[in-house]
Amino acid sequence: MINNNNKSSFRTATNDFVKTVESAIKNQEIKKKGKDWLIRELDQMIAQLKNAKAENVAKAAGL
């Protein structure tokens, strides 16, 4: 089940990723940065989501 904290964390991570990629596209930097950069950005977003989920689990467990 997804609670509001998870939704907010997901939204934040997703918005950060989208803003970064949109900026790179607008500035035509994405061609220079390449596929590896995009993969690193995705990995960073996934790490943020995992961290947010772990924090929410700890809160739910009362830790």
Protein backbone atom coordinates (compact mmCIF):
# COMPACT_ATOMS: atom_id res chain seq x y z
CA MET A 1 0.00 0.00 0.00
CA ILE A 2 1.26 3.46 -0.83
CA ASN A 3 0.73 6.07 1.84
CA ASN A 4 0.92 9.83 1.40
CA ASN A 5 4.60 9.97 2.42
CA ASN A 6 5.50 7.45 -0.27
CA LYS A 7 3.45 9.36 -2.85
CA SER A 8 5.16 12.61 -1.89
CA SER A 9 8.63 11.02 -1.99
CA PHE A 10 7.92 9.43 -5.35
CA ARG A 11 6.58 12.71 -6.72
CA THR A 12 9.64 14.62 -5.50
CA ALA A 13 12.13 12.13 -6.93
CA THR A 14 10.28 11.94 -10.22
CA ASN A 15 9.94 15.72 -10.53
CA ASP A 16 13.65 16.20 -9.79
CA PHE A 17 14.56 13.68 -12.49
CA VAL A 18 12.19 15.21 -15.05
CA LYS A 19 13.45 18.75 -14.38
CA THR A 20 17.07 17.63 -14.79
CA VAL A 21 16.38 15.85 -18.08
CA GLU A 22 14.17 18.65 -19.43
CA SER A 23 16.88 21.18 -18.66
CA ALA A 24 19.47 19.06 -20.44
CA ILE A 25 17.22 18.70 -23.48
CA LYS A 26 16.41 22.42 -23.56
CA ASN A 27 20.09 23.33 -23.33
CA GLN A 28 20.99 20.63 -25.86
CA GLU A 29 23.38 19.14 -23.31
CA ILE A 30 21.85 15.69 -23.46
CA LYS A 31 23.77 14.90 -26.66
CA LYS A 32 27.05 15.73 -24.92
CA LYS A 33 26.14 13.95 -21.69
CA GLY A 34 24.93 10.82 -23.42
CA LYS A 35 23.24 7.62 -22.39
CA ASP A 36 25.52 6.92 -19.41
CA TRP A 37 24.59 10.25 -17.83
CA LEU A 38 20.89 9.48 -18.26
CA ILE A 39 21.36 6.07 -16.64
CA ARG A 40 23.18 7.67 -13.68
CA GLU A 41 20.30 10.14 -13.25
CA LEU A 42 17.82 7.24 -13.25
CA ASP A 43 19.95 5.36 -10.72
CA GLN A 44 19.97 8.43 -8.50
CA MET A 45 16.17 8.70 -8.69
CA ILE A 46 15.82 5.01 -7.80
CA ALA A 47 18.17 5.45 -4.83
CA GLN A 48 16.08 8.39 -3.59
CA LEU A 49 12.93 6.27 -3.84
CA LYS A 50 14.52 3.36 -1.96
CA ASN A 51 15.76 5.70 0.76
CA ALA A 52 12.33 7.31 1.13
CA LYS A 53 10.70 3.89 1.34
CA ALA A 54 13.16 2.77 4.04
CA GLU A 55 12.46 5.92 6.04
CA ASN A 56 8.71 5.33 5.82
CA VAL A 57 9.09 1.70 6.92
CA ALA A 58 11.18 2.81 9.90
CA LYS A 59 8.57 5.42 10.85
CA ALA A 60 5.79 2.85 10.60
CA ALA A 61 7.78 0.49 12.82
CA GLY A 62 8.25 3.27 15.36
CA LEU A 63 12.03 3.44 14.96
